[in-house]
Amino acid sequence: MKKLLFVLFALPFIAFTQADVKIDKKYYQVNYSQKLKQPLSVDYGIRTRECNATRSGMDFFAEKGVITSSNTDYANNEWDKGHMAPAADFCYSRDAMLATFSYANCALQHYKLNRGVWKELEALERVWAQKDSIIIHIDVIFDANPKKTPGGAAIPATFRKTITFYSTGKKLIYEFPNVPPTKTLDKYLIKGKL
């Protein structure tokens, strides 16, 4: 009887702690999987603004009440804490930039991807934003049975980034497998034309 009562009371709690949550960080929004300890999607906008803040002294932090990845998931392996909403896009304010250091906004991203074509595309987006505001939607895609770090965070298989130009509605969609890049940035464009 005691076991049955424990199961009846524990199941809703376990299900609740594993639920996907929507997190509004004011500057960007995240659909986050507590089960995978990774974001499922991230949405934000970019427009030209003057940079007034630096990353100096900023470090990643957990969201209160949300089960996220942590430093242990990124230690001694090939995975970067890949910002989905990049800090450099929010350099117009220290508060906005600091918000991007949430573990809810970072994914286990292969360091060669994060520091390579992914970073190149982020820089290109800031150039495009000088002419038109752009809206970014990122899907973080997982295999049916994803590999996990020793800390329990699931490793994404693919990142899909949809870039929409505000004034024209033009869309560009890029897709990046979560491995060291083997192609130039333009080869990851799967829909739309530059």
C-alpha atoms as a PDB file:
ATOM      1  CA  MET A   1       0.000   0.000   0.000  1.00  0.00           C
ATOM      2  CA  LYS A   2       2.820   2.419   0.863  1.00  0.00           C
ATOM      3  CA  LYS A   3       4.493   1.723  -2.495  1.00  0.00           C
ATOM      4  CA  LEU A   4       1.232   2.386  -4.313  1.00  0.00           C
ATOM      5  CA  LEU A   5       0.755   5.693  -2.504  1.00  0.00           C
ATOM      6  CA  PHE A   6       4.344   6.702  -3.296  1.00  0.00           C
ATOM      7  CA  VAL A   7       3.820   5.934  -7.004  1.00  0.00           C
ATOM      8  CA  LEU A   8       0.518   7.834  -7.099  1.00  0.00           C
ATOM      9  CA  PHE A   9       2.081  10.908  -5.496  1.00  0.00           C
ATOM     10  CA  ALA A  10       5.460  10.696  -7.262  1.00  0.00           C
ATOM     11  CA  LEU A  11       4.219  10.230 -10.838  1.00  0.00           C
ATOM     12  CA  PRO A  12       2.642  13.685 -11.210  1.00  0.00           C
ATOM     13  CA  PHE A  13       5.774  15.252  -9.708  1.00  0.00           C
ATOM     14  CA  ILE A  14       8.084  13.318 -12.044  1.00  0.00           C
ATOM     15  CA  ALA A  15       5.934  14.192 -15.054  1.00  0.00           C
ATOM     16  CA  PHE A  16       5.849  17.847 -14.017  1.00  0.00           C
ATOM     17  CA  THR A  17       9.627  18.121 -13.599  1.00  0.00           C
ATOM     18  CA  GLN A  18      10.176  16.577 -17.032  1.00  0.00           C
ATOM     19  CA  ALA A  19       7.729  18.870 -18.838  1.00  0.00           C
ATOM     20  CA  ASP A  20       8.693  21.191 -21.660  1.00  0.00           C
ATOM     21  CA  VAL A  21       8.535  24.812 -20.555  1.00  0.00           C
ATOM     22  CA  LYS A  22       8.229  28.087 -22.369  1.00  0.00           C
ATOM     23  CA  ILE A  23      10.649  30.706 -21.078  1.00  0.00           C
ATOM     24  CA  ASP A  24      10.293  34.379 -21.952  1.00  0.00           C
ATOM     25  CA  LYS A  25      13.612  36.120 -21.350  1.00  0.00           C
ATOM     26  CA  LYS A  26      12.194  39.487 -22.535  1.00  0.00           C
ATOM     27  CA  TYR A  27      14.761  39.668 -25.356  1.00  0.00           C
ATOM     28  CA  TYR A  28      14.165  36.175 -26.741  1.00  0.00           C
ATOM     29  CA  GLN A  29      11.846  33.216 -26.119  1.00  0.00           C
ATOM     30  CA  VAL A  30      12.740  29.554 -25.564  1.00  0.00           C
ATOM     31  CA  ASN A  31      10.781  26.327 -25.740  1.00  0.00           C
ATOM     32  CA  TYR A  32      12.857  24.171 -23.387  1.00  0.00           C
ATOM     33  CA  SER A  33      12.898  20.424 -22.711  1.00  0.00           C
ATOM     34  CA  GLN A  34      13.686  19.598 -19.101  1.00  0.00           C
ATOM     35  CA  LYS A  35      13.843  15.917 -20.079  1.00  0.00           C
ATOM     36  CA  LEU A  36      16.574  16.577 -22.681  1.00  0.00           C
ATOM     37  CA  LYS A  37      18.087  19.481 -20.704  1.00  0.00           C
ATOM     38  CA  GLN A  38      18.292  21.429 -23.966  1.00  0.00           C
ATOM     39  CA  PRO A  39      16.302  24.042 -25.858  1.00  0.00           C
ATOM     40  CA  LEU A  40      13.868  22.762 -28.498  1.00  0.00           C
ATOM     41  CA  SER A  41      13.452  26.138 -30.183  1.00  0.00           C
ATOM     42  CA  VAL A  42      14.554  29.743 -29.716  1.00  0.00           C
ATOM     43  CA  ASP A  43      13.038  32.905 -31.232  1.00  0.00           C
ATOM     44  CA  TYR A  44      14.474  36.430 -31.317  1.00  0.00           C
ATOM     45  CA  GLY A  45      14.824  39.494 -33.510  1.00  0.00           C
ATOM     46  CA  ILE A  46      17.799  41.552 -34.654  1.00  0.00           C
ATOM     47  CA  ARG A  47      17.982  45.157 -35.718  1.00  0.00           C
ATOM     48  CA  THR A  48      20.848  47.578 -35.919  1.00  0.00           C
ATOM     49  CA  ARG A  49      21.767  49.070 -32.568  1.00  0.00           C
ATOM     50  CA  GLU A  50      24.892  50.573 -31.103  1.00  0.00           C
ATOM     51  CA  CYS A  51      26.957  48.212 -28.938  1.00  0.00           C
ATOM     52  CA  ASN A  52      27.422  49.443 -25.364  1.00  0.00           C
ATOM     53  CA  ALA A  53      28.058  46.194 -23.453  1.00  0.00           C
ATOM     54  CA  THR A  54      30.773  43.549 -23.388  1.00  0.00           C
ATOM     55  CA  ARG A  55      30.779  39.915 -22.273  1.00  0.00           C
ATOM     56  CA  SER A  56      33.311  40.731 -19.567  1.00  0.00           C
ATOM     57  CA  GLY A  57      32.394  39.077 -16.253  1.00  0.00           C
ATOM     58  CA  MET A  58      29.377  37.215 -17.663  1.00  0.00           C
ATOM     59  CA  ASP A  59      28.920  33.514 -17.018  1.00  0.00           C
ATOM     60  CA  PHE A  60      26.152  31.005 -17.657  1.00  0.00           C
ATOM     61  CA  PHE A  61      23.392  30.646 -15.076  1.00  0.00           C
ATOM     62  CA  ALA A  62      20.507  28.256 -14.443  1.00  0.00           C
ATOM     63  CA  GLU A  63      16.873  29.292 -14.614  1.00  0.00           C
ATOM     64  CA  LYS A  64      15.135  29.092 -11.253  1.00  0.00           C
ATOM     65  CA  GLY A  65      12.777  26.120 -11.141  1.00  0.00           C
ATOM     66  CA  VAL A  66      13.922  24.686 -14.509  1.00  0.00           C
ATOM     67  CA  ILE A  67      16.004  21.532 -14.958  1.00  0.00           C
ATOM     68  CA  THR A  68      18.812  22.545 -17.330  1.00  0.00           C
ATOM     69  CA  SER A  69      22.229  21.437 -18.442  1.00  0.00           C
ATOM     70  CA  SER A  70      25.183  22.670 -16.388  1.00  0.00           C
ATOM     71  CA  ASN A  71      28.939  23.160 -16.635  1.00  0.00           C
ATOM     72  CA  THR A  72      29.480  19.416 -16.124  1.00  0.00           C
ATOM     73  CA  ASP A  73      27.722  18.683 -19.436  1.00  0.00           C
ATOM     74  CA  TYR A  74      30.267  20.812 -21.309  1.00  0.00           C
ATOM     75  CA  ALA A  75      33.444  19.819 -19.443  1.00  0.00           C
ATOM     76  CA  ASN A  76      36.288  17.911 -21.116  1.00  0.00           C
ATOM     77  CA  ASN A  77      34.476  17.152 -24.364  1.00  0.00           C
ATOM     78  CA  GLU A  78      33.913  18.579 -27.849  1.00  0.00           C
ATOM     79  CA  TRP A  79      30.694  20.411 -26.959  1.00  0.00           C
ATOM     80  CA  ASP A  80      30.551  24.204 -26.659  1.00  0.00           C
ATOM     81  CA  LYS A  81      27.829  26.061 -24.782  1.00  0.00           C
ATOM     82  CA  GLY A  82      26.459  27.241 -28.106  1.00  0.00           C
ATOM     83  CA  HIS A  83      24.375  30.376 -27.645  1.00  0.00           C
ATOM     84  CA  MET A  84      21.192  30.027 -29.671  1.00  0.00           C
ATOM     85  CA  ALA A  85      20.356  33.733 -29.287  1.00  0.00           C
ATOM     86  CA  PRO A  86      23.932  35.072 -29.591  1.00  0.00           C
ATOM     87  CA  ALA A  87      25.293  37.493 -27.012  1.00  0.00           C
ATOM     88  CA  ALA A  88      26.682  39.777 -29.742  1.00  0.00           C
ATOM     89  CA  ASP A  89      23.150  40.456 -31.048  1.00  0.00           C
ATOM     90  CA  PHE A  90      22.199  41.923 -27.659  1.00  0.00           C
ATOM     91  CA  CYS A  91      25.260  44.096 -26.998  1.00  0.00           C
ATOM     92  CA  TYR A  92      23.108  47.247 -26.932  1.00  0.00           C
ATOM     93  CA  SER A  93      22.475  46.622 -23.224  1.00  0.00           C
ATOM     94  CA  ARG A  94      24.282  44.757 -20.452  1.00  0.00           C
ATOM     95  CA  ASP A  95      20.970  43.364 -19.173  1.00  0.00           C
ATOM     96  CA  ALA A  96      20.020  42.061 -22.641  1.00  0.00           C
ATOM     97  CA  MET A  97      23.438  40.518 -23.204  1.00  0.00           C
ATOM     98  CA  LEU A  98      23.487  38.916 -19.752  1.00  0.00           C
ATOM     99  CA  ALA A  99      20.087  37.325 -20.449  1.00  0.00           C
ATOM    100  CA  THR A 100      21.678  35.301 -23.274  1.00  0.00           C
ATOM    101  CA  PHE A 101      23.918  33.491 -20.772  1.00  0.00           C
ATOM    102  CA  SER A 102      21.027  31.393 -19.468  1.00  0.00           C
ATOM    103  CA  TYR A 103      21.539  27.630 -19.761  1.00  0.00           C
ATOM    104  CA  ALA A 104      18.082  27.667 -21.355  1.00  0.00           C
ATOM    105  CA  ASN A 105      19.648  29.530 -24.301  1.00  0.00           C
ATOM    106  CA  CYS A 106      22.635  27.250 -24.876  1.00  0.00           C
ATOM    107  CA  ALA A 107      22.861  23.906 -26.611  1.00  0.00           C
ATOM    108  CA  LEU A 108      25.511  21.210 -26.785  1.00  0.00           C
ATOM    109  CA  GLN A 109      27.013  22.328 -30.083  1.00  0.00           C
ATOM    110  CA  HIS A 110      30.164  20.848 -31.601  1.00  0.00           C
ATOM    111  CA  TYR A 111      32.895  23.416 -31.018  1.00  0.00           C
ATOM    112  CA  LYS A 112      33.972  23.393 -34.691  1.00  0.00           C
ATOM    113  CA  LEU A 113      30.397  24.154 -35.760  1.00  0.00           C
ATOM    114  CA  ASN A 114      29.879  26.810 -33.072  1.00  0.00           C
ATOM    115  CA  ARG A 115      33.154  28.573 -33.856  1.00  0.00           C
ATOM    116  CA  GLY A 116      32.915  27.993 -37.609  1.00  0.00           C
ATOM    117  CA  VAL A 117      30.000  28.333 -40.042  1.00  0.00           C
ATOM    118  CA  TRP A 118      27.457  28.919 -37.236  1.00  0.00           C
ATOM    119  CA  LYS A 119      29.446  31.932 -36.027  1.00  0.00           C
ATOM    120  CA  GLU A 120      29.916  33.073 -39.632  1.00  0.00           C
ATOM    121  CA  LEU A 121      26.133  33.042 -40.171  1.00  0.00           C
ATOM    122  CA  GLU A 122      25.547  34.995 -36.941  1.00  0.00           C
ATOM    123  CA  ALA A 123      27.958  37.694 -38.169  1.00  0.00           C
ATOM    124  CA  LEU A 124      26.222  37.782 -41.554  1.00  0.00           C
ATOM    125  CA  GLU A 125      22.843  38.220 -39.833  1.00  0.00           C
ATOM    126  CA  ARG A 126      24.171  41.348 -38.090  1.00  0.00           C
ATOM    127  CA  VAL A 127      25.231  42.729 -41.488  1.00  0.00           C
ATOM    128  CA  TRP A 128      21.768  42.014 -42.928  1.00  0.00           C
ATOM    129  CA  ALA A 129      20.165  43.667 -39.881  1.00  0.00           C
ATOM    130  CA  GLN A 130      21.823  46.956 -40.871  1.00  0.00           C
ATOM    131  CA  LYS A 131      19.430  47.087 -43.836  1.00  0.00           C
ATOM    132  CA  ASP A 132      16.346  45.317 -42.471  1.00  0.00           C
ATOM    133  CA  SER A 133      15.174  43.933 -39.148  1.00  0.00           C
ATOM    134  CA  ILE A 134      15.282  40.157 -39.153  1.00  0.00           C
ATOM    135  CA  ILE A 135      13.452  37.513 -37.167  1.00  0.00           C
ATOM    136  CA  ILE A 136      15.249  34.304 -36.227  1.00  0.00           C
ATOM    137  CA  HIS A 137      13.709  30.952 -35.351  1.00  0.00           C
ATOM    138  CA  ILE A 138      16.004  28.065 -34.381  1.00  0.00           C
ATOM    139  CA  ASP A 139      14.862  24.459 -34.121  1.00  0.00           C
ATOM    140  CA  VAL A 140      17.132  22.187 -32.106  1.00  0.00           C
ATOM    141  CA  ILE A 141      16.519  18.686 -33.462  1.00  0.00           C
ATOM    142  CA  PHE A 142      17.248  15.403 -31.687  1.00  0.00           C
ATOM    143  CA  ASP A 143      17.474  11.787 -32.785  1.00  0.00           C
ATOM    144  CA  ALA A 144      14.755   9.474 -31.460  1.00  0.00           C
ATOM    145  CA  ASN A 145      17.203   8.102 -28.885  1.00  0.00           C
ATOM    146  CA  PRO A 146      19.850  10.846 -28.473  1.00  0.00           C
ATOM    147  CA  LYS A 147      23.268  10.299 -26.951  1.00  0.00           C
ATOM    148  CA  LYS A 148      23.698  12.039 -23.616  1.00  0.00           C
ATOM    149  CA  THR A 149      26.540  13.570 -21.674  1.00  0.00           C
ATOM    150  CA  PRO A 150      27.514  12.035 -18.307  1.00  0.00           C
ATOM    151  CA  GLY A 151      25.476  14.871 -16.734  1.00  0.00           C
ATOM    152  CA  GLY A 152      22.349  13.698 -18.599  1.00  0.00           C
ATOM    153  CA  ALA A 153      21.962  16.423 -21.250  1.00  0.00           C
ATOM    154  CA  ALA A 154      20.940  15.160 -24.705  1.00  0.00           C
ATOM    155  CA  ILE A 155      23.211  15.961 -27.647  1.00  0.00           C
ATOM    156  CA  PRO A 156      21.322  17.595 -30.545  1.00  0.00           C
ATOM    157  CA  ALA A 157      21.605  15.995 -33.998  1.00  0.00           C
ATOM    158  CA  THR A 158      20.831  19.083 -36.081  1.00  0.00           C
ATOM    159  CA  PHE A 159      20.235  22.831 -35.854  1.00  0.00           C
ATOM    160  CA  ARG A 160      17.782  24.448 -38.284  1.00  0.00           C
ATOM    161  CA  LYS A 161      17.782  28.235 -38.473  1.00  0.00           C
ATOM    162  CA  THR A 162      15.004  30.151 -40.246  1.00  0.00           C
ATOM    163  CA  ILE A 163      15.778  33.800 -40.974  1.00  0.00           C
ATOM    164  CA  THR A 164      12.878  36.060 -41.990  1.00  0.00           C
ATOM    165  CA  PHE A 165      13.467  39.566 -43.344  1.00  0.00           C
ATOM    166  CA  TYR A 166      10.855  41.810 -41.746  1.00  0.00           C
ATOM    167  CA  SER A 167      10.106  44.209 -44.626  1.00  0.00           C
ATOM    168  CA  THR A 168       9.886  41.621 -47.429  1.00  0.00           C
ATOM    169  CA  GLY A 169       8.958  38.388 -45.651  1.00  0.00           C
ATOM    170  CA  LYS A 170      11.808  36.671 -47.509  1.00  0.00           C
ATOM    171  CA  LYS A 171      12.969  33.502 -45.717  1.00  0.00           C
ATOM    172  CA  LEU A 172      16.290  31.715 -45.647  1.00  0.00           C
ATOM    173  CA  ILE A 173      16.556  28.301 -43.991  1.00  0.00           C
ATOM    174  CA  TYR A 174      19.903  26.812 -43.007  1.00  0.00           C
ATOM    175  CA  GLU A 175      20.420  23.328 -41.611  1.00  0.00           C
ATOM    176  CA  PHE A 176      23.568  22.265 -39.757  1.00  0.00           C
ATOM    177  CA  PRO A 177      24.340  18.717 -38.599  1.00  0.00           C
ATOM    178  CA  ASN A 178      25.942  18.875 -35.147  1.00  0.00           C
ATOM    179  CA  VAL A 179      29.347  17.720 -36.373  1.00  0.00           C
ATOM    180  CA  PRO A 180      32.532  19.438 -37.577  1.00  0.00           C
ATOM    181  CA  PRO A 181      31.573  21.382 -40.740  1.00  0.00           C
ATOM    182  CA  THR A 182      32.771  19.973 -44.046  1.00  0.00           C
ATOM    183  CA  LYS A 183      31.297  22.621 -46.352  1.00  0.00           C
ATOM    184  CA  THR A 184      31.192  26.372 -46.795  1.00  0.00           C
ATOM    185  CA  LEU A 185      28.285  28.303 -45.260  1.00  0.00           C
ATOM    186  CA  ASP A 186      26.321  28.625 -48.519  1.00  0.00           C
ATOM    187  CA  LYS A 187      26.108  24.813 -48.802  1.00  0.00           C
ATOM    188  CA  TYR A 188      24.048  24.654 -45.583  1.00  0.00           C
ATOM    189  CA  LEU A 189      21.295  26.838 -47.100  1.00  0.00           C
ATOM    190  CA  ILE A 190      18.400  24.443 -47.769  1.00  0.00           C
ATOM    191  CA  LYS A 191      15.667  26.947 -48.747  1.00  0.00           C
ATOM    192  CA  GLY A 192      15.660  30.476 -50.165  1.00  0.00           C
ATOM    193  CA  LYS A 193      18.224  32.483 -52.088  1.00  0.00           C
ATOM    194  CA  LEU A 194      20.739  35.073 -50.968  1.00  0.00           C
END
